[in-house]
Amino acid sequence: MLAAFLWTAVHFLASVLIVPATLKIGAAGSGLAGLLTEATRVLYFPILGLALYPRHWFPGRWIYIPIAGNSLVWGLGLAAVTLALLALYRRSRAPKR
């Protein structure tokens, strides 16, 4: 549960902070803007990237609701992958019988 919460928090912060960073770097004309744009598409997949809701449902700062939901999906998925990899690692390190 803690792993899911931590992954969700990290994803949420990255999702919220990447848009201003992309806009600032894009305005400066840096080549890094294309990389940040692609990172934004990945972070916003699936809920925001696929626009699974009408935008007028979340005007202004209400946009944080679908961002949080998207981060929760990512957090649960990443926690499941983390726990599975940890179990595989422990199994490989266990003494052979």
PDB file of N, CA and C in Angstrom:
ATOM      1  N   MET A   1       0.818  -1.194   0.000  1.00  0.00           N
ATOM      2  CA  MET A   1       0.000   0.000   0.000  1.00  0.00           C
ATOM      3  C   MET A   1       0.867   1.265   0.000  1.00  0.00           C
ATOM      4  N   LEU A   2       1.946   1.208   0.784  1.00  0.00           N
ATOM      5  CA  LEU A   2       2.846   2.352   0.850  1.00  0.00           C
ATOM      6  C   LEU A   2       3.517   2.597  -0.499  1.00  0.00           C
ATOM      7  N   ALA A   3       3.885   1.504  -1.174  1.00  0.00           N
ATOM      8  CA  ALA A   3       4.515   1.648  -2.491  1.00  0.00           C
ATOM      9  C   ALA A   3       3.564   2.328  -3.470  1.00  0.00           C
ATOM     10  N   ALA A   4       2.300   1.940  -3.446  1.00  0.00           N
ATOM     11  CA  ALA A   4       1.313   2.550  -4.347  1.00  0.00           C
ATOM     12  C   ALA A   4       1.152   4.034  -4.036  1.00  0.00           C
ATOM     13  N   PHE A   5       1.121   4.382  -2.767  1.00  0.00           N
ATOM     14  CA  PHE A   5       0.986   5.786  -2.385  1.00  0.00           C
ATOM     15  C   PHE A   5       2.192   6.595  -2.847  1.00  0.00           C
ATOM     16  N   LEU A   6       3.394   6.051  -2.647  1.00  0.00           N
ATOM     17  CA  LEU A   6       4.601   6.776  -3.047  1.00  0.00           C
ATOM     18  C   LEU A   6       4.671   6.950  -4.565  1.00  0.00           C
ATOM     19  N   TRP A   7       4.382   5.892  -5.333  1.00  0.00           N
ATOM     20  CA  TRP A   7       4.389   6.000  -6.792  1.00  0.00           C
ATOM     21  C   TRP A   7       3.336   7.003  -7.258  1.00  0.00           C
ATOM     22  N   THR A   8       2.162   6.982  -6.608  1.00  0.00           N
ATOM     23  CA  THR A   8       1.092   7.908  -6.972  1.00  0.00           C
ATOM     24  C   THR A   8       1.530   9.353  -6.711  1.00  0.00           C
ATOM     25  N   ALA A   9       2.142   9.593  -5.565  1.00  0.00           N
ATOM     26  CA  ALA A   9       2.594  10.952  -5.230  1.00  0.00           C
ATOM     27  C   ALA A   9       3.666  11.439  -6.202  1.00  0.00           C
ATOM     28  N   VAL A  10       4.622  10.585  -6.526  1.00  0.00           N
ATOM     29  CA  VAL A  10       5.686  10.960  -7.462  1.00  0.00           C
ATOM     30  C   VAL A  10       5.093  11.254  -8.834  1.00  0.00           C
ATOM     31  N   HIS A  11       4.180  10.403  -9.290  1.00  0.00           N
ATOM     32  CA  HIS A  11       3.568  10.608 -10.609  1.00  0.00           C
ATOM     33  C   HIS A  11       2.743  11.894 -10.630  1.00  0.00           C
ATOM     34  N   PHE A  12       1.990  12.149  -9.568  1.00  0.00           N
ATOM     35  CA  PHE A  12       1.176  13.361  -9.508  1.00  0.00           C
ATOM     36  C   PHE A  12       2.056  14.609  -9.582  1.00  0.00           C
ATOM     37  N   LEU A  13       3.127  14.634  -8.798  1.00  0.00           N
ATOM     38  CA  LEU A  13       4.023  15.792  -8.835  1.00  0.00           C
ATOM     39  C   LEU A  13       4.651  15.965 -10.210  1.00  0.00           C
ATOM     40  N   ALA A  14       5.080  14.871 -10.818  1.00  0.00           N
ATOM     41  CA  ALA A  14       5.668  14.960 -12.153  1.00  0.00           C
ATOM     42  C   ALA A  14       4.638  15.459 -13.161  1.00  0.00           C
ATOM     43  N   SER A  15       3.397  14.981 -13.045  1.00  0.00           N
ATOM     44  CA  SER A  15       2.347  15.387 -13.981  1.00  0.00           C
ATOM     45  C   SER A  15       2.005  16.865 -13.851  1.00  0.00           C
ATOM     46  N   VAL A  16       2.024  17.366 -12.643  1.00  0.00           N
ATOM     47  CA  VAL A  16       1.686  18.773 -12.411  1.00  0.00           C
ATOM     48  C   VAL A  16       2.844  19.689 -12.815  1.00  0.00           C
ATOM     49  N   LEU A  17       4.063  19.264 -12.583  1.00  0.00           N
ATOM     50  CA  LEU A  17       5.221  20.123 -12.838  1.00  0.00           C
ATOM     51  C   LEU A  17       5.726  20.087 -14.280  1.00  0.00           C
ATOM     52  N   ILE A  18       5.367  19.063 -15.038  1.00  0.00           N
ATOM     53  CA  ILE A  18       5.942  18.938 -16.380  1.00  0.00           C
ATOM     54  C   ILE A  18       5.355  19.950 -17.365  1.00  0.00           C
ATOM     55  N   VAL A  19       4.102  20.318 -17.200  1.00  0.00           N
ATOM     56  CA  VAL A  19       3.491  21.259 -18.150  1.00  0.00           C
ATOM     57  C   VAL A  19       4.155  22.639 -18.079  1.00  0.00           C
ATOM     58  N   PRO A  20       4.307  23.242 -16.887  1.00  0.00           N
ATOM     59  CA  PRO A  20       5.001  24.535 -16.861  1.00  0.00           C
ATOM     60  C   PRO A  20       6.449  24.436 -17.359  1.00  0.00           C
ATOM     61  N   ALA A  21       7.117  23.330 -17.047  1.00  0.00           N
ATOM     62  CA  ALA A  21       8.493  23.162 -17.520  1.00  0.00           C
ATOM     63  C   ALA A  21       8.532  23.072 -19.041  1.00  0.00           C
ATOM     64  N   THR A  22       7.599  22.335 -19.621  1.00  0.00           N
ATOM     65  CA  THR A  22       7.548  22.202 -21.078  1.00  0.00           C
ATOM     66  C   THR A  22       7.272  23.543 -21.738  1.00  0.00           C
ATOM     67  N   LEU A  23       6.332  24.301 -21.188  1.00  0.00           N
ATOM     68  CA  LEU A  23       6.007  25.607 -21.761  1.00  0.00           C
ATOM     69  C   LEU A  23       7.184  26.578 -21.654  1.00  0.00           C
ATOM     70  N   LYS A  24       7.883  26.563 -20.517  1.00  0.00           N
ATOM     71  CA  LYS A  24       9.007  27.477 -20.325  1.00  0.00           C
ATOM     72  C   LYS A  24      10.168  27.123 -21.259  1.00  0.00           C
ATOM     73  N   ILE A  25      10.485  25.842 -21.364  1.00  0.00           N
ATOM     74  CA  ILE A  25      11.593  25.424 -22.231  1.00  0.00           C
ATOM     75  C   ILE A  25      11.216  25.587 -23.698  1.00  0.00           C
ATOM     76  N   GLY A  26       9.937  25.323 -24.031  1.00  0.00           N
ATOM     77  CA  GLY A  26       9.487  25.506 -25.410  1.00  0.00           C
ATOM     78  C   GLY A  26       9.552  26.953 -25.838  1.00  0.00           C
ATOM     79  N   ALA A  27       9.242  27.857 -24.924  1.00  0.00           N
ATOM     80  CA  ALA A  27       9.300  29.286 -25.236  1.00  0.00           C
ATOM     81  C   ALA A  27      10.744  29.740 -25.439  1.00  0.00           C
ATOM     82  N   ALA A  28      11.678  29.055 -24.776  1.00  0.00           N
ATOM     83  CA  ALA A  28      13.092  29.406 -24.921  1.00  0.00           C
ATOM     84  C   ALA A  28      13.677  28.853 -26.212  1.00  0.00           C
ATOM     85  N   GLY A  29      12.938  27.976 -26.890  1.00  0.00           N
ATOM     86  CA  GLY A  29      13.409  27.429 -28.154  1.00  0.00           C
ATOM     87  C   GLY A  29      14.397  26.292 -28.000  1.00  0.00           C
ATOM     88  N   SER A  30      14.405  25.657 -26.857  1.00  0.00           N
ATOM     89  CA  SER A  30      15.337  24.559 -26.611  1.00  0.00           C
ATOM     90  C   SER A  30      14.876  23.284 -27.318  1.00  0.00           C
ATOM     91  N   GLY A  31      15.832  22.445 -27.714  1.00  0.00           N
ATOM     92  CA  GLY A  31      15.503  21.163 -28.341  1.00  0.00           C
ATOM     93  C   GLY A  31      14.936  20.168 -27.356  1.00  0.00           C
ATOM     94  N   LEU A  32      15.067  20.470 -26.072  1.00  0.00           N
ATOM     95  CA  LEU A  32      14.539  19.607 -25.022  1.00  0.00           C
ATOM     96  C   LEU A  32      13.018  19.642 -24.978  1.00  0.00           C
ATOM     97  N   ALA A  33      12.397  20.616 -25.607  1.00  0.00           N
ATOM     98  CA  ALA A  33      10.943  20.767 -25.576  1.00  0.00           C
ATOM     99  C   ALA A  33      10.244  19.556 -26.177  1.00  0.00           C
ATOM    100  N   GLY A  34      10.782  18.997 -27.243  1.00  0.00           N
ATOM    101  CA  GLY A  34      10.179  17.818 -27.864  1.00  0.00           C
ATOM    102  C   GLY A  34      10.205  16.620 -26.934  1.00  0.00           C
ATOM    103  N   LEU A  35      11.302  16.435 -26.217  1.00  0.00           N
ATOM    104  CA  LEU A  35      11.411  15.345 -25.250  1.00  0.00           C
ATOM    105  C   LEU A  35      10.411  15.528 -24.105  1.00  0.00           C
ATOM    106  N   LEU A  36      10.285  16.739 -23.608  1.00  0.00           N
ATOM    107  CA  LEU A  36       9.326  17.007 -22.535  1.00  0.00           C
ATOM    108  C   LEU A  36       7.885  16.843 -23.010  1.00  0.00           C
ATOM    109  N   THR A  37       7.618  17.181 -24.254  1.00  0.00           N
ATOM    110  CA  THR A  37       6.278  16.993 -24.805  1.00  0.00           C
ATOM    111  C   THR A  37       5.926  15.506 -24.834  1.00  0.00           C
ATOM    112  N   GLU A  38       6.868  14.677 -25.253  1.00  0.00           N
ATOM    113  CA  GLU A  38       6.626  13.230 -25.268  1.00  0.00           C
ATOM    114  C   GLU A  38       6.477  12.680 -23.853  1.00  0.00           C
ATOM    115  N   ALA A  39       7.276  13.196 -22.911  1.00  0.00           N
ATOM    116  CA  ALA A  39       7.155  12.770 -21.516  1.00  0.00           C
ATOM    117  C   ALA A  39       5.779  13.139 -20.962  1.00  0.00           C
ATOM    118  N   THR A  40       5.258  14.292 -21.363  1.00  0.00           N
ATOM    119  CA  THR A  40       3.921  14.696 -20.936  1.00  0.00           C
ATOM    120  C   THR A  40       2.871  13.727 -21.455  1.00  0.00           C
ATOM    121  N   ARG A  41       3.004  13.316 -22.711  1.00  0.00           N
ATOM    122  CA  ARG A  41       2.047  12.352 -23.276  1.00  0.00           C
ATOM    123  C   ARG A  41       2.077  11.035 -22.517  1.00  0.00           C
ATOM    124  N   VAL A  42       3.251  10.595 -22.123  1.00  0.00           N
ATOM    125  CA  VAL A  42       3.352   9.346 -21.371  1.00  0.00           C
ATOM    126  C   VAL A  42       2.741   9.514 -19.988  1.00  0.00           C
ATOM    127  N   LEU A  43       3.079  10.596 -19.298  1.00  0.00           N
ATOM    128  CA  LEU A  43       2.552  10.820 -17.948  1.00  0.00           C
ATOM    129  C   LEU A  43       1.031  10.958 -17.935  1.00  0.00           C
ATOM    130  N   TYR A  44       0.475  11.537 -18.974  1.00  0.00           N
ATOM    131  CA  TYR A  44      -0.964  11.783 -19.003  1.00  0.00           C
ATOM    132  C   TYR A  44      -1.771  10.622 -19.559  1.00  0.00           C
ATOM    133  N   PHE A  45      -1.106   9.554 -19.963  1.00  0.00           N
ATOM    134  CA  PHE A  45      -1.807   8.359 -20.431  1.00  0.00           C
ATOM    135  C   PHE A  45      -2.273   7.581 -19.212  1.00  0.00           C
ATOM    136  N   PRO A  46      -3.411   6.982 -19.141  1.00  0.00           N
ATOM    137  CA  PRO A  46      -4.477   6.843 -20.112  1.00  0.00           C
ATOM    138  C   PRO A  46      -5.607   7.856 -19.944  1.00  0.00           C
ATOM    139  N   ILE A  47      -5.850   8.330 -18.731  1.00  0.00           N
ATOM    140  CA  ILE A  47      -7.058   9.120 -18.481  1.00  0.00           C
ATOM    141  C   ILE A  47      -7.029  10.463 -19.193  1.00  0.00           C
ATOM    142  N   LEU A  48      -5.966  11.228 -19.009  1.00  0.00           N
ATOM    143  CA  LEU A  48      -5.903  12.546 -19.649  1.00  0.00           C
ATOM    144  C   LEU A  48      -5.510  12.444 -21.108  1.00  0.00           C
ATOM    145  N   GLY A  49      -4.611  11.548 -21.421  1.00  0.00           N
ATOM    146  CA  GLY A  49      -4.136  11.410 -22.795  1.00  0.00           C
ATOM    147  C   GLY A  49      -5.208  10.952 -23.762  1.00  0.00           C
ATOM    148  N   LEU A  50      -6.091  10.104 -23.285  1.00  0.00           N
ATOM    149  CA  LEU A  50      -7.172   9.614 -24.135  1.00  0.00           C
ATOM    150  C   LEU A  50      -8.446  10.427 -23.982  1.00  0.00           C
ATOM    151  N   ALA A  51      -8.408  11.451 -23.132  1.00  0.00           N
ATOM    152  CA  ALA A  51      -9.564  12.330 -22.885  1.00  0.00           C
ATOM    153  C   ALA A  51     -10.824  11.513 -22.606  1.00  0.00           C
ATOM    154  N   LEU A  52     -10.770  10.734 -21.523  1.00  0.00           N
ATOM    155  CA  LEU A  52     -11.892   9.868 -21.159  1.00  0.00           C
ATOM    156  C   LEU A  52     -12.978  10.624 -20.396  1.00  0.00           C
ATOM    157  N   TYR A  53     -12.965  11.934 -20.457  1.00  0.00           N
ATOM    158  CA  TYR A  53     -13.953  12.770 -19.794  1.00  0.00           C
ATOM    159  C   TYR A  53     -14.081  14.062 -20.588  1.00  0.00           C
ATOM    160  N   PRO A  54     -15.241  14.719 -20.543  1.00  0.00           N
ATOM    161  CA  PRO A  54     -15.352  16.035 -21.193  1.00  0.00           C
ATOM    162  C   PRO A  54     -14.580  17.087 -20.401  1.00  0.00           C
ATOM    163  N   ARG A  55     -13.817  17.902 -21.073  1.00  0.00           N
ATOM    164  CA  ARG A  55     -12.969  18.899 -20.406  1.00  0.00           C
ATOM    165  C   ARG A  55     -13.797  19.897 -19.604  1.00  0.00           C
ATOM    166  N   HIS A  56     -15.006  20.201 -20.016  1.00  0.00           N
ATOM    167  CA  HIS A  56     -15.800  21.195 -19.282  1.00  0.00           C
ATOM    168  C   HIS A  56     -16.266  20.671 -17.917  1.00  0.00           C
ATOM    169  N   TRP A  57     -16.107  19.379 -17.644  1.00  0.00           N
ATOM    170  CA  TRP A  57     -16.432  18.852 -16.315  1.00  0.00           C
ATOM    171  C   TRP A  57     -15.423  19.308 -15.267  1.00  0.00           C
ATOM    172  N   PHE A  58     -14.208  19.635 -15.697  1.00  0.00           N
ATOM    173  CA  PHE A  58     -13.137  19.989 -14.776  1.00  0.00           C
ATOM    174  C   PHE A  58     -12.489  21.307 -15.180  1.00  0.00           C
ATOM    175  N   PRO A  59     -13.222  22.415 -15.043  1.00  0.00           N
ATOM    176  CA  PRO A  59     -12.638  23.713 -15.423  1.00  0.00           C
ATOM    177  C   PRO A  59     -11.628  24.188 -14.381  1.00  0.00           C
ATOM    178  N   GLY A  60     -10.682  24.980 -14.825  1.00  0.00           N
ATOM    179  CA  GLY A  60      -9.722  25.603 -13.911  1.00  0.00           C
ATOM    180  C   GLY A  60      -8.915  24.598 -13.114  1.00  0.00           C
ATOM    181  N   ARG A  61      -8.858  24.822 -11.817  1.00  0.00           N
ATOM    182  CA  ARG A  61      -8.061  23.957 -10.936  1.00  0.00           C
ATOM    183  C   ARG A  61      -8.710  22.599 -10.685  1.00  0.00           C
ATOM    184  N   TRP A  62      -9.946  22.405 -11.110  1.00  0.00           N
ATOM    185  CA  TRP A  62     -10.598  21.102 -10.964  1.00  0.00           C
ATOM    186  C   TRP A  62      -9.906  20.034 -11.812  1.00  0.00           C
ATOM    187  N   ILE A  63      -9.028  20.450 -12.717  1.00  0.00           N
ATOM    188  CA  ILE A  63      -8.287  19.506 -13.560  1.00  0.00           C
ATOM    189  C   ILE A  63      -7.428  18.576 -12.710  1.00  0.00           C
ATOM    190  N   TYR A  64      -7.130  18.990 -11.466  1.00  0.00           N
ATOM    191  CA  TYR A  64      -6.318  18.136 -10.594  1.00  0.00           C
ATOM    192  C   TYR A  64      -7.047  16.843 -10.232  1.00  0.00           C
ATOM    193  N   ILE A  65      -8.353  16.804 -10.346  1.00  0.00           N
ATOM    194  CA  ILE A  65      -9.094  15.569 -10.040  1.00  0.00           C
ATOM    195  C   ILE A  65      -8.746  14.463 -11.038  1.00  0.00           C
ATOM    196  N   PRO A  66      -8.877  14.684 -12.358  1.00  0.00           N
ATOM    197  CA  PRO A  66      -8.471  13.608 -13.265  1.00  0.00           C
ATOM    198  C   PRO A  66      -6.960  13.357 -13.258  1.00  0.00           C
ATOM    199  N   ILE A  67      -6.154  14.383 -12.953  1.00  0.00           N
ATOM    200  CA  ILE A  67      -4.717  14.145 -12.837  1.00  0.00           C
ATOM    201  C   ILE A  67      -4.451  13.197 -11.667  1.00  0.00           C
ATOM    202  N   ALA A  68      -5.130  13.413 -10.543  1.00  0.00           N
ATOM    203  CA  ALA A  68      -4.958  12.533  -9.384  1.00  0.00           C
ATOM    204  C   ALA A  68      -5.449  11.120  -9.696  1.00  0.00           C
ATOM    205  N   GLY A  69      -6.569  11.004 -10.403  1.00  0.00           N
ATOM    206  CA  GLY A  69      -7.053   9.675 -10.796  1.00  0.00           C
ATOM    207  C   GLY A  69      -6.071   8.964 -11.709  1.00  0.00           C
ATOM    208  N   ASN A  70      -5.511   9.703 -12.650  1.00  0.00           N
ATOM    209  CA  ASN A  70      -4.512   9.138 -13.556  1.00  0.00           C
ATOM    210  C   ASN A  70      -3.274   8.702 -12.771  1.00  0.00           C
ATOM    211  N   SER A  71      -2.859   9.518 -11.814  1.00  0.00           N
ATOM    212  CA  SER A  71      -1.704   9.171 -10.992  1.00  0.00           C
ATOM    213  C   SER A  71      -1.981   7.941 -10.140  1.00  0.00           C
ATOM    214  N   LEU A  72      -3.204   7.790  -9.686  1.00  0.00           N
ATOM    215  CA  LEU A  72      -3.564   6.604  -8.905  1.00  0.00           C
ATOM    216  C   LEU A  72      -3.469   5.346  -9.763  1.00  0.00           C
ATOM    217  N   VAL A  73      -3.930   5.423 -11.001  1.00  0.00           N
ATOM    218  CA  VAL A  73      -3.809   4.285 -11.918  1.00  0.00           C
ATOM    219  C   VAL A  73      -2.336   3.924 -12.104  1.00  0.00           C
ATOM    220  N   TRP A  74      -1.505   4.925 -12.353  1.00  0.00           N
ATOM    221  CA  TRP A  74      -0.075   4.690 -12.525  1.00  0.00           C
ATOM    222  C   TRP A  74       0.546   4.161 -11.237  1.00  0.00           C
ATOM    223  N   GLY A  75       0.175   4.737 -10.106  1.00  0.00           N
ATOM    224  CA  GLY A  75       0.747   4.312  -8.828  1.00  0.00           C
ATOM    225  C   GLY A  75       0.442   2.864  -8.515  1.00  0.00           C
ATOM    226  N   LEU A  76      -0.792   2.452  -8.728  1.00  0.00           N
ATOM    227  CA  LEU A  76      -1.156   1.055  -8.476  1.00  0.00           C
ATOM    228  C   LEU A  76      -0.414   0.116  -9.428  1.00  0.00           C
ATOM    229  N   GLY A  77      -0.322   0.509 -10.689  1.00  0.00           N
ATOM    230  CA  GLY A  77       0.386  -0.322 -11.659  1.00  0.00           C
ATOM    231  C   GLY A  77       1.870  -0.434 -11.350  1.00  0.00           C
ATOM    232  N   LEU A  78       2.499   0.693 -11.044  1.00  0.00           N
ATOM    233  CA  LEU A  78       3.924   0.669 -10.732  1.00  0.00           C
ATOM    234  C   LEU A  78       4.211  -0.072  -9.428  1.00  0.00           C
ATOM    235  N   ALA A  79       3.316   0.033  -8.457  1.00  0.00           N
ATOM    236  CA  ALA A  79       3.500  -0.713  -7.206  1.00  0.00           C
ATOM    237  C   ALA A  79       3.389  -2.216  -7.462  1.00  0.00           C
ATOM    238  N   ALA A  80       2.454  -2.623  -8.306  1.00  0.00           N
ATOM    239  CA  ALA A  80       2.316  -4.044  -8.633  1.00  0.00           C
ATOM    240  C   ALA A  80       3.567  -4.562  -9.330  1.00  0.00           C
ATOM    241  N   VAL A  81       4.102  -3.787 -10.267  1.00  0.00           N
ATOM    242  CA  VAL A  81       5.326  -4.187 -10.970  1.00  0.00           C
ATOM    243  C   VAL A  81       6.508  -4.226  -9.995  1.00  0.00           C
ATOM    244  N   THR A  82       6.608  -3.242  -9.139  1.00  0.00           N
ATOM    245  CA  THR A  82       7.685  -3.210  -8.153  1.00  0.00           C
ATOM    246  C   THR A  82       7.639  -4.425  -7.248  1.00  0.00           C
ATOM    247  N   LEU A  83       6.461  -4.751  -6.741  1.00  0.00           N
ATOM    248  CA  LEU A  83       6.331  -5.906  -5.848  1.00  0.00           C
ATOM    249  C   LEU A  83       6.612  -7.211  -6.581  1.00  0.00           C
ATOM    250  N   ALA A  84       6.200  -7.319  -7.832  1.00  0.00           N
ATOM    251  CA  ALA A  84       6.479  -8.521  -8.609  1.00  0.00           C
ATOM    252  C   ALA A  84       7.978  -8.676  -8.848  1.00  0.00           C
ATOM    253  N   LEU A  85       8.657  -7.593  -9.188  1.00  0.00           N
ATOM    254  CA  LEU A  85      10.103  -7.656  -9.392  1.00  0.00           C
ATOM    255  C   LEU A  85      10.847  -7.974  -8.096  1.00  0.00           C
ATOM    256  N   LEU A  86      10.366  -7.435  -6.991  1.00  0.00           N
ATOM    257  CA  LEU A  86      10.974  -7.732  -5.700  1.00  0.00           C
ATOM    258  C   LEU A  86      10.803  -9.210  -5.350  1.00  0.00           C
ATOM    259  N   ALA A  87       9.635  -9.771  -5.634  1.00  0.00           N
ATOM    260  CA  ALA A  87       9.398 -11.194  -5.378  1.00  0.00           C
ATOM    261  C   ALA A  87      10.297 -12.060  -6.253  1.00  0.00           C
ATOM    262  N   LEU A  88      10.473 -11.683  -7.515  1.00  0.00           N
ATOM    263  CA  LEU A  88      11.375 -12.431  -8.398  1.00  0.00           C
ATOM    264  C   LEU A  88      12.817 -12.346  -7.911  1.00  0.00           C
ATOM    265  N   TYR A  89      13.222 -11.194  -7.459  1.00  0.00           N
ATOM    266  CA  TYR A  89      14.579 -11.026  -6.941  1.00  0.00           C
ATOM    267  C   TYR A  89      14.789 -11.899  -5.707  1.00  0.00           C
ATOM    268  N   ARG A  90      13.831 -11.869  -4.793  1.00  0.00           N
ATOM    269  CA  ARG A  90      13.960 -12.689  -3.593  1.00  0.00           C
ATOM    270  C   ARG A  90      13.989 -14.171  -3.925  1.00  0.00           C
ATOM    271  N   ARG A  91      13.191 -14.575  -4.880  1.00  0.00           N
ATOM    272  CA  ARG A  91      13.153 -15.978  -5.290  1.00  0.00           C
ATOM    273  C   ARG A  91      14.481 -16.393  -5.918  1.00  0.00           C
ATOM    274  N   SER A  92      15.090 -15.497  -6.682  1.00  0.00           N
ATOM    275  CA  SER A  92      16.376 -15.831  -7.316  1.00  0.00           C
ATOM    276  C   SER A  92      17.515 -15.867  -6.302  1.00  0.00           C
ATOM    277  N   ARG A  93      17.400 -15.133  -5.239  1.00  0.00           N
ATOM    278  CA  ARG A  93      18.434 -15.076  -4.199  1.00  0.00           C
ATOM    279  C   ARG A  93      18.260 -16.147  -3.125  1.00  0.00           C
ATOM    280  N   ALA A  94      17.111 -16.845  -3.132  1.00  0.00           N
ATOM    281  CA  ALA A  94      16.852 -17.868  -2.119  1.00  0.00           C
ATOM    282  C   ALA A  94      17.813 -19.043  -2.324  1.00  0.00           C
ATOM    283  N   PRO A  95      18.243 -19.690  -1.249  1.00  0.00           N
ATOM    284  CA  PRO A  95      19.141 -20.844  -1.407  1.00  0.00           C
ATOM    285  C   PRO A  95      18.432 -21.985  -2.149  1.00  0.00           C
ATOM    286  N   LYS A  96      19.187 -22.643  -3.000  1.00  0.00           N
ATOM    287  CA  LYS A  96      18.633 -23.758  -3.783  1.00  0.00           C
ATOM    288  C   LYS A  96      18.522 -24.977  -2.889  1.00  0.00           C
ATOM    289  N   ARG A  97      17.474 -25.735  -3.084  1.00  0.00           N
ATOM    290  CA  ARG A  97      17.280 -26.968  -2.286  1.00  0.00           C
ATOM    291  C   ARG A  97      17.522 -28.174  -3.126  1.00  0.00           C
TER     292      ARG A  97
END
